[in-house]
């Protein structure tokens, strides 16, 4: 069966309309990523690391460990479909390099870990939660890099 260029062009809109994951996912709904991806991966950087936590148990374990050392934890609640999250991600990595000795940086994808998002009252992304001594001490909603830097410097003392 031969298809002309015109008949192929007519099929393109139908194929595009059939593309899965066009709408934004909601908490608890599977993301387009594989469920086996990034359970507890670490993105190593020069002076620090951003830990990815996809289970509430892993996140709580990291928080307890940091509380014993009186170390600040900065959690970036993010989503793969979130534009502002993508814009601030490189800054979050840079901040982990600068402050890695004084703070632990954790990234939580709300679609992979909806329990953590619910526990910390996250309703918009990005949301940054600051924990010290096992307690939430501050939070920042939105991709405000200047304020994020200020809060890290303030709470990591």
N, C-alpha and C. Protein backbone atom coordinates (compact mmCIF):
# COMPACT_ATOMS: atom_id res chain seq x y z
N UNK A 1 0.85 -1.18 0.00
CA UNK A 1 0.00 0.00 0.00
C UNK A 1 0.89 1.23 0.00
N UNK A 2 0.69 2.12 -0.96
CA UNK A 2 1.47 3.34 -1.06
C UNK A 2 0.72 4.47 -0.39
N UNK A 3 1.47 5.29 0.33
CA UNK A 3 0.89 6.47 0.95
C UNK A 3 1.53 7.70 0.34
N UNK A 4 0.74 8.62 -0.03
CA UNK A 4 1.28 9.86 -0.57
C UNK A 4 1.66 10.77 0.59
N UNK A 5 2.40 11.82 0.29
CA UNK A 5 2.78 12.80 1.29
C UNK A 5 1.55 13.43 1.91
N UNK A 6 0.52 13.67 1.11
CA UNK A 6 -0.71 14.27 1.62
C UNK A 6 -1.42 13.35 2.60
N UNK A 7 -1.46 12.06 2.31
CA UNK A 7 -2.15 11.15 3.23
C UNK A 7 -1.36 10.99 4.52
N UNK A 8 -0.02 11.05 4.46
CA UNK A 8 0.78 11.02 5.68
C UNK A 8 0.55 12.27 6.51
N UNK A 9 0.47 13.41 5.86
CA UNK A 9 0.22 14.66 6.57
C UNK A 9 -1.12 14.63 7.27
N UNK A 10 -2.08 13.98 6.66
CA UNK A 10 -3.41 13.89 7.26
C UNK A 10 -3.38 13.02 8.52
N UNK A 11 -2.44 12.07 8.59
CA UNK A 11 -2.34 11.20 9.76
C UNK A 11 -1.63 11.85 10.93
N UNK A 12 -0.79 12.83 10.69
CA UNK A 12 0.00 13.44 11.76
C UNK A 12 -0.83 14.03 12.88
N UNK A 13 -1.85 14.83 12.60
CA UNK A 13 -2.64 15.36 13.71
C UNK A 13 -3.27 14.26 14.55
N UNK A 14 -3.72 13.19 13.93
CA UNK A 14 -4.32 12.09 14.68
C UNK A 14 -3.28 11.41 15.56
N UNK A 15 -2.07 11.25 15.06
CA UNK A 15 -1.01 10.63 15.85
C UNK A 15 -0.63 11.52 17.02
N UNK A 16 -0.56 12.82 16.79
CA UNK A 16 -0.21 13.74 17.87
C UNK A 16 -1.28 13.75 18.94
N UNK A 17 -2.53 13.65 18.53
CA UNK A 17 -3.63 13.66 19.49
C UNK A 17 -3.63 12.40 20.34
N UNK A 18 -3.04 11.34 19.85
CA UNK A 18 -3.03 10.08 20.58
C UNK A 18 -1.84 9.95 21.52
N UNK A 19 -1.00 10.97 21.60
CA UNK A 19 0.18 10.92 22.45
C UNK A 19 -0.25 10.87 23.91
N UNK A 20 0.24 9.90 24.68
CA UNK A 20 -0.15 9.81 26.09
C UNK A 20 0.52 10.90 26.92
N UNK A 21 0.00 11.12 28.10
CA UNK A 21 0.56 12.04 29.09
C UNK A 21 0.54 13.48 28.64
N UNK A 22 -0.49 13.90 27.93
CA UNK A 22 -0.57 15.29 27.53
C UNK A 22 -1.02 16.17 28.68
N UNK A 23 -1.89 15.65 29.53
CA UNK A 23 -2.36 16.46 30.65
C UNK A 23 -1.37 16.34 31.79
N UNK A 24 -1.40 17.32 32.68
CA UNK A 24 -0.50 17.30 33.80
C UNK A 24 -0.97 16.28 34.82
N UNK A 25 -0.05 15.46 35.35
CA UNK A 25 -0.45 14.47 36.33
C UNK A 25 -0.86 15.13 37.65
N UNK A 26 -1.64 14.43 38.39
CA UNK A 26 -2.10 14.88 39.69
C UNK A 26 -1.47 13.97 40.72
N UNK A 27 -1.32 14.42 41.97
CA UNK A 27 -0.72 13.58 43.01
C UNK A 27 -1.33 12.19 42.98
N UNK A 28 -0.50 11.19 43.06
CA UNK A 28 -0.96 9.82 43.12
C UNK A 28 -1.18 9.18 41.77
N UNK A 29 -1.11 9.93 40.71
CA UNK A 29 -1.28 9.38 39.37
C UNK A 29 0.10 9.13 38.79
N UNK A 30 0.26 8.03 38.13
CA UNK A 30 1.56 7.66 37.59
C UNK A 30 2.08 8.72 36.65
N UNK A 31 3.36 8.96 36.76
CA UNK A 31 4.02 9.86 35.82
C UNK A 31 4.47 9.03 34.63
N UNK A 32 4.88 9.70 33.54
CA UNK A 32 5.32 8.96 32.37
C UNK A 32 6.62 8.20 32.60
N UNK A 33 7.31 8.46 33.70
CA UNK A 33 8.55 7.75 33.98
C UNK A 33 8.25 6.36 34.49
N UNK A 34 9.18 5.49 34.35
CA UNK A 34 9.04 4.12 34.82
C UNK A 34 8.96 4.08 36.33
N UNK A 35 8.16 3.20 36.88
CA UNK A 35 8.02 3.10 38.33
C UNK A 35 9.28 2.57 38.98
N UNK A 36 10.19 2.02 38.21
CA UNK A 36 11.42 1.49 38.78
C UNK A 36 12.56 2.50 38.74
N UNK A 37 12.29 3.70 38.25
CA UNK A 37 13.38 4.66 38.11
C UNK A 37 13.65 5.40 39.41
N UNK A 38 14.89 5.66 39.67
CA UNK A 38 15.35 6.59 40.69
C UNK A 38 14.75 6.37 42.07
N UNK A 39 14.77 5.16 42.60
CA UNK A 39 14.18 4.98 43.92
C UNK A 39 14.97 5.78 44.94
N UNK A 40 16.24 5.65 45.00
CA UNK A 40 17.05 6.41 45.94
C UNK A 40 18.35 6.83 45.25
N UNK A 41 18.25 7.52 44.16
CA UNK A 41 19.46 7.87 43.43
C UNK A 41 20.07 9.15 43.98
N UNK A 42 21.33 9.32 43.71
CA UNK A 42 22.05 10.51 44.15
C UNK A 42 22.72 11.12 42.95
N UNK A 43 22.58 12.43 42.82
CA UNK A 43 23.26 13.16 41.76
C UNK A 43 24.48 13.78 42.42
N UNK A 44 25.66 13.25 42.16
CA UNK A 44 26.87 13.75 42.80
C UNK A 44 27.34 15.03 42.13
N UNK A 45 27.80 15.93 42.95
CA UNK A 45 28.28 17.21 42.47
C UNK A 45 29.63 17.48 43.11
N UNK A 46 30.30 18.54 42.69
CA UNK A 46 31.64 18.82 43.20
C UNK A 46 31.68 18.92 44.71
N UNK A 47 30.84 19.76 45.31
CA UNK A 47 30.93 19.98 46.75
C UNK A 47 29.76 19.42 47.51
N UNK A 48 28.79 18.86 46.88
CA UNK A 48 27.62 18.37 47.58
C UNK A 48 26.90 17.36 46.72
N UNK A 49 25.71 17.05 47.15
CA UNK A 49 24.91 16.09 46.40
C UNK A 49 23.45 16.41 46.59
N UNK A 50 22.67 16.11 45.58
CA UNK A 50 21.22 16.20 45.67
C UNK A 50 20.72 14.77 45.69
N UNK A 51 20.09 14.38 46.77
CA UNK A 51 19.54 13.03 46.91
C UNK A 51 18.11 13.02 46.41
N UNK A 52 17.76 12.03 45.62
CA UNK A 52 16.37 11.88 45.16
C UNK A 52 15.72 10.81 46.02
N UNK A 53 14.61 11.17 46.63
CA UNK A 53 13.92 10.25 47.53
C UNK A 53 12.51 10.00 47.02
N UNK A 54 12.19 8.75 46.72
CA UNK A 54 10.87 8.45 46.18
C UNK A 54 9.99 7.66 47.14
N UNK A 55 10.44 7.50 48.39
CA UNK A 55 9.59 6.88 49.40
C UNK A 55 9.58 7.75 50.64
N UNK A 56 8.47 7.75 51.33
CA UNK A 56 8.36 8.51 52.58
C UNK A 56 9.31 7.95 53.63
N UNK A 57 9.47 6.63 53.68
CA UNK A 57 10.37 6.01 54.65
C UNK A 57 11.81 6.47 54.44
N UNK A 58 12.25 6.54 53.19
CA UNK A 58 13.60 7.00 52.89
C UNK A 58 13.77 8.46 53.30
N UNK A 59 12.79 9.29 52.99
CA UNK A 59 12.86 10.70 53.35
C UNK A 59 12.93 10.87 54.86
N UNK A 60 12.09 10.16 55.60
CA UNK A 60 12.10 10.27 57.06
C UNK A 60 13.41 9.78 57.66
N UNK A 61 14.00 8.76 57.07
CA UNK A 61 15.29 8.26 57.52
C UNK A 61 16.38 9.32 57.35
N UNK A 62 16.37 9.99 56.22
CA UNK A 62 17.35 11.06 55.97
C UNK A 62 17.15 12.22 56.95
N UNK A 63 15.89 12.54 57.23
CA UNK A 63 15.60 13.63 58.16
C UNK A 63 16.09 13.28 59.56
N UNK A 64 15.85 12.05 60.02
CA UNK A 64 16.31 11.63 61.34
C UNK A 64 17.82 11.65 61.44
N UNK A 65 18.48 11.20 60.39
CA UNK A 65 19.95 11.18 60.38
C UNK A 65 20.51 12.59 60.46
N UNK A 66 19.94 13.50 59.70
CA UNK A 66 20.41 14.89 59.71
C UNK A 66 20.11 15.56 61.05
N UNK A 67 18.99 15.20 61.68
CA UNK A 67 18.63 15.79 62.97
C UNK A 67 19.67 15.44 64.03
N UNK A 68 20.22 14.23 63.97
CA UNK A 68 21.25 13.83 64.93
C UNK A 68 22.50 14.69 64.80
N UNK A 69 22.77 15.17 63.60
CA UNK A 69 23.95 15.99 63.34
C UNK A 69 23.64 17.48 63.34
N UNK A 70 22.41 17.85 63.69
CA UNK A 70 21.96 19.25 63.67
C UNK A 70 22.23 19.90 62.32
N UNK A 71 22.00 19.14 61.27
CA UNK A 71 22.24 19.62 59.90
C UNK A 71 20.91 20.03 59.26
N UNK A 72 20.94 21.10 58.52
CA UNK A 72 19.77 21.57 57.78
C UNK A 72 19.46 20.61 56.64
N UNK A 73 18.17 20.38 56.43
CA UNK A 73 17.72 19.64 55.25
C UNK A 73 16.88 20.58 54.42
N UNK A 74 17.16 20.63 53.12
CA UNK A 74 16.36 21.41 52.19
C UNK A 74 15.73 20.42 51.21
N UNK A 75 14.40 20.35 51.23
CA UNK A 75 13.68 19.43 50.35
C UNK A 75 13.04 20.23 49.23
N UNK A 76 13.33 19.84 48.02
CA UNK A 76 12.74 20.44 46.82
C UNK A 76 11.63 19.51 46.34
N UNK A 77 10.37 19.90 46.57
CA UNK A 77 9.24 19.14 46.05
C UNK A 77 9.00 19.62 44.63
N UNK A 78 9.10 18.71 43.69
CA UNK A 78 9.13 19.04 42.27
C UNK A 78 8.26 18.07 41.47
N UNK A 79 8.15 18.33 40.18
CA UNK A 79 7.46 17.42 39.26
C UNK A 79 8.10 17.56 37.88
N UNK A 80 8.12 16.47 37.15
CA UNK A 80 8.77 16.49 35.83
C UNK A 80 8.06 17.42 34.85
N UNK A 81 6.77 17.65 35.05
CA UNK A 81 5.98 18.47 34.13
C UNK A 81 5.95 19.94 34.54
N UNK A 82 6.64 20.30 35.61
CA UNK A 82 6.59 21.66 36.18
C UNK A 82 7.69 22.54 35.57
N UNK A 83 7.30 23.54 34.80
CA UNK A 83 8.26 24.45 34.17
C UNK A 83 9.13 25.20 35.15
N UNK A 84 8.57 25.88 36.17
CA UNK A 84 9.40 26.58 37.15
C UNK A 84 10.35 25.64 37.89
N UNK A 85 9.94 24.39 38.10
CA UNK A 85 10.82 23.41 38.76
C UNK A 85 12.06 23.16 37.91
N UNK A 86 11.86 23.05 36.61
CA UNK A 86 12.98 22.82 35.69
C UNK A 86 13.92 24.02 35.67
N UNK A 87 13.35 25.22 35.79
CA UNK A 87 14.19 26.43 35.76
C UNK A 87 15.06 26.56 37.01
N UNK A 88 14.54 26.16 38.17
CA UNK A 88 15.31 26.35 39.40
C UNK A 88 16.19 25.15 39.74
N UNK A 89 16.02 24.03 39.07
CA UNK A 89 16.80 22.82 39.36
C UNK A 89 18.31 23.04 39.29
N UNK A 90 18.85 23.73 38.28
CA UNK A 90 20.30 23.95 38.25
C UNK A 90 20.79 24.82 39.42
N UNK A 91 19.96 25.74 39.86
CA UNK A 91 20.32 26.59 41.00
C UNK A 91 20.34 25.76 42.27
N UNK A 92 19.37 24.86 42.42
CA UNK A 92 19.34 23.96 43.58
C UNK A 92 20.61 23.12 43.62
N UNK A 93 21.06 22.63 42.46
CA UNK A 93 22.31 21.86 42.39
C UNK A 93 23.51 22.71 42.79
N UNK A 94 23.56 23.95 42.28
CA UNK A 94 24.65 24.86 42.64
C UNK A 94 24.68 25.12 44.14
N UNK A 95 23.52 25.32 44.73
CA UNK A 95 23.45 25.57 46.17
C UNK A 95 23.92 24.35 46.96
N UNK A 96 23.67 23.16 46.44
CA UNK A 96 24.16 21.96 47.13
C UNK A 96 25.69 21.91 47.08
N UNK A 97 26.27 22.42 46.00
CA UNK A 97 27.73 22.48 45.91
C UNK A 97 28.29 23.47 46.93
N UNK A 98 27.64 24.62 47.04
CA UNK A 98 28.12 25.67 47.94
C UNK A 98 27.92 25.33 49.41
N UNK A 99 26.80 24.68 49.74
CA UNK A 99 26.43 24.49 51.14
C UNK A 99 26.36 23.02 51.54
N UNK A 100 26.94 22.14 50.74
CA UNK A 100 26.86 20.71 50.99
C UNK A 100 27.43 20.26 52.32
N UNK A 101 28.38 21.01 52.87
CA UNK A 101 28.95 20.63 54.16
C UNK A 101 28.04 21.02 55.33
N UNK A 102 27.13 21.97 55.09
CA UNK A 102 26.26 22.46 56.17
C UNK A 102 24.81 22.01 56.03
N UNK A 103 24.45 21.49 54.86
CA UNK A 103 23.05 21.14 54.62
C UNK A 103 22.97 19.92 53.71
N UNK A 104 21.86 19.21 53.84
CA UNK A 104 21.59 18.08 52.95
C UNK A 104 20.46 18.49 52.01
N UNK A 105 20.63 18.23 50.74
CA UNK A 105 19.67 18.63 49.71
C UNK A 105 18.97 17.40 49.16
N UNK A 106 17.63 17.44 49.20
CA UNK A 106 16.84 16.29 48.77
C UNK A 106 15.80 16.76 47.76
N UNK A 107 15.64 15.99 46.71
CA UNK A 107 14.62 16.27 45.69
C UNK A 107 13.56 15.18 45.78
N UNK A 108 12.29 15.61 45.84
CA UNK A 108 11.17 14.67 45.91
C UNK A 108 10.22 14.98 44.76
N UNK A 109 10.03 14.02 43.87
CA UNK A 109 9.05 14.15 42.80
C UNK A 109 7.68 13.80 43.38
N UNK A 110 6.76 14.75 43.35
CA UNK A 110 5.46 14.56 43.99
C UNK A 110 4.64 13.45 43.33
N UNK A 111 4.91 13.14 42.09
CA UNK A 111 4.19 12.05 41.42
C UNK A 111 4.74 10.69 41.84
N UNK A 112 6.02 10.62 42.18
CA UNK A 112 6.63 9.38 42.64
C UNK A 112 6.44 9.18 44.14
N UNK A 113 6.29 10.26 44.89
CA UNK A 113 6.21 10.20 46.34
C UNK A 113 5.07 11.09 46.86
N UNK A 114 3.83 10.77 46.52
CA UNK A 114 2.71 11.61 46.93
C UNK A 114 2.50 11.64 48.45
N UNK A 115 2.93 10.57 49.15
CA UNK A 115 2.77 10.54 50.60
C UNK A 115 3.60 11.64 51.26
N UNK A 116 4.82 11.85 50.79
CA UNK A 116 5.67 12.90 51.35
C UNK A 116 5.09 14.27 51.05
N UNK A 117 4.60 14.45 49.83
CA UNK A 117 4.00 15.74 49.47
C UNK A 117 2.80 16.03 50.36
N UNK A 118 2.00 15.03 50.63
CA UNK A 118 0.83 15.21 51.49
C UNK A 118 1.26 15.50 52.93
N UNK A 119 2.22 14.76 53.43
CA UNK A 119 2.68 14.95 54.81
C UNK A 119 3.19 16.37 55.04
N UNK A 120 3.86 16.93 54.05
CA UNK A 120 4.43 18.27 54.21
C UNK A 120 3.55 19.36 53.61
N UNK A 121 2.32 19.03 53.28
CA UNK A 121 1.34 20.03 52.84
C UNK A 121 1.69 20.73 51.54
N UNK A 122 2.31 20.01 50.63
CA UNK A 122 2.72 20.60 49.36
C UNK A 122 1.53 20.61 48.40
N UNK A 123 1.18 21.81 47.94
CA UNK A 123 0.06 21.93 47.00
C UNK A 123 0.46 22.62 45.71
N UNK A 124 1.68 23.14 45.64
CA UNK A 124 2.17 23.81 44.43
C UNK A 124 3.66 23.48 44.30
N UNK A 125 4.13 23.47 43.08
CA UNK A 125 5.53 23.19 42.83
C UNK A 125 6.18 24.35 42.09
N UNK A 126 7.44 24.60 42.37
CA UNK A 126 8.23 23.94 43.41
C UNK A 126 7.89 24.50 44.80
N UNK A 127 8.01 23.64 45.79
CA UNK A 127 7.94 24.04 47.19
C UNK A 127 9.20 23.52 47.85
N UNK A 128 9.86 24.39 48.59
CA UNK A 128 11.07 24.02 49.32
C UNK A 128 10.73 24.01 50.80
N UNK A 129 11.03 22.89 51.46
CA UNK A 129 10.77 22.75 52.89
C UNK A 129 12.12 22.66 53.59
N UNK A 130 12.27 23.45 54.65
CA UNK A 130 13.52 23.53 55.41
C UNK A 130 13.29 22.85 56.76
N UNK A 131 14.12 21.86 57.07
CA UNK A 131 13.97 21.09 58.30
C UNK A 131 15.29 21.15 59.06
N UNK A 132 15.18 21.45 60.35
CA UNK A 132 16.37 21.46 61.21
C UNK A 132 15.96 20.85 62.55
N UNK A 133 16.79 19.96 63.06
CA UNK A 133 16.46 19.29 64.31
C UNK A 133 15.21 18.44 64.22
N UNK A 134 14.89 17.98 63.03
CA UNK A 134 13.72 17.14 62.83
C UNK A 134 12.41 17.90 62.70
N UNK A 135 12.46 19.23 62.74
CA UNK A 135 11.26 20.06 62.68
C UNK A 135 11.29 20.97 61.45
N UNK A 136 10.12 21.21 60.86
CA UNK A 136 10.02 22.17 59.76
C UNK A 136 10.22 23.56 60.35
N UNK A 137 11.22 24.28 59.82
CA UNK A 137 11.51 25.62 60.32
C UNK A 137 11.11 26.71 59.34
N UNK A 138 10.95 26.35 58.06
CA UNK A 138 10.57 27.35 57.06
C UNK A 138 10.14 26.62 55.80
N UNK A 139 9.51 27.38 54.90
CA UNK A 139 9.13 26.84 53.59
C UNK A 139 9.07 27.98 52.59
N UNK A 140 9.27 27.63 51.34
CA UNK A 140 9.24 28.60 50.26
C UNK A 140 8.47 27.99 49.10
N UNK A 141 7.44 28.69 48.66
CA UNK A 141 6.69 28.24 47.48
C UNK A 141 7.10 29.08 46.29
N UNK A 142 7.41 28.43 45.18
CA UNK A 142 7.78 29.15 43.98
C UNK A 142 9.26 29.09 43.70
N UNK A 143 9.64 29.48 42.50
CA UNK A 143 11.02 29.40 42.03
C UNK A 143 11.75 30.72 42.25
N UNK A 144 11.80 31.17 43.49
CA UNK A 144 12.47 32.42 43.85
C UNK A 144 13.89 32.09 44.32
N UNK A 145 14.84 32.14 43.40
CA UNK A 145 16.21 31.71 43.70
C UNK A 145 16.88 32.59 44.75
N UNK A 146 16.63 33.89 44.73
CA UNK A 146 17.25 34.78 45.72
C UNK A 146 16.78 34.43 47.13
N UNK A 147 15.48 34.23 47.28
CA UNK A 147 14.93 33.90 48.60
C UNK A 147 15.39 32.51 49.03
N UNK A 148 15.50 31.58 48.10
CA UNK A 148 15.99 30.24 48.41
C UNK A 148 17.41 30.32 48.99
N UNK A 149 18.27 31.10 48.35
CA UNK A 149 19.65 31.28 48.84
C UNK A 149 19.65 31.89 50.23
N UNK A 150 18.81 32.92 50.44
CA UNK A 150 18.74 33.58 51.75
C UNK A 150 18.34 32.60 52.85
N UNK A 151 17.32 31.79 52.58
CA UNK A 151 16.84 30.85 53.59
C UNK A 151 17.88 29.77 53.89
N UNK A 152 18.58 29.30 52.89
CA UNK A 152 19.63 28.30 53.12
C UNK A 152 20.73 28.90 53.99
N UNK A 153 21.15 30.12 53.67
CA UNK A 153 22.19 30.76 54.46
C UNK A 153 21.72 31.02 55.89
N UNK A 154 20.47 31.45 56.04
CA UNK A 154 19.93 31.74 57.37
C UNK A 154 19.86 30.49 58.25
N UNK A 155 19.34 29.39 57.72
CA UNK A 155 19.09 28.21 58.53
C UNK A 155 20.28 27.26 58.62
N UNK A 156 21.30 27.43 57.80
CA UNK A 156 22.45 26.52 57.86
C UNK A 156 23.53 26.99 58.83
N UNK A 157 23.28 28.08 59.51
CA UNK A 157 24.25 28.59 60.49
C UNK A 157 24.38 27.67 61.68
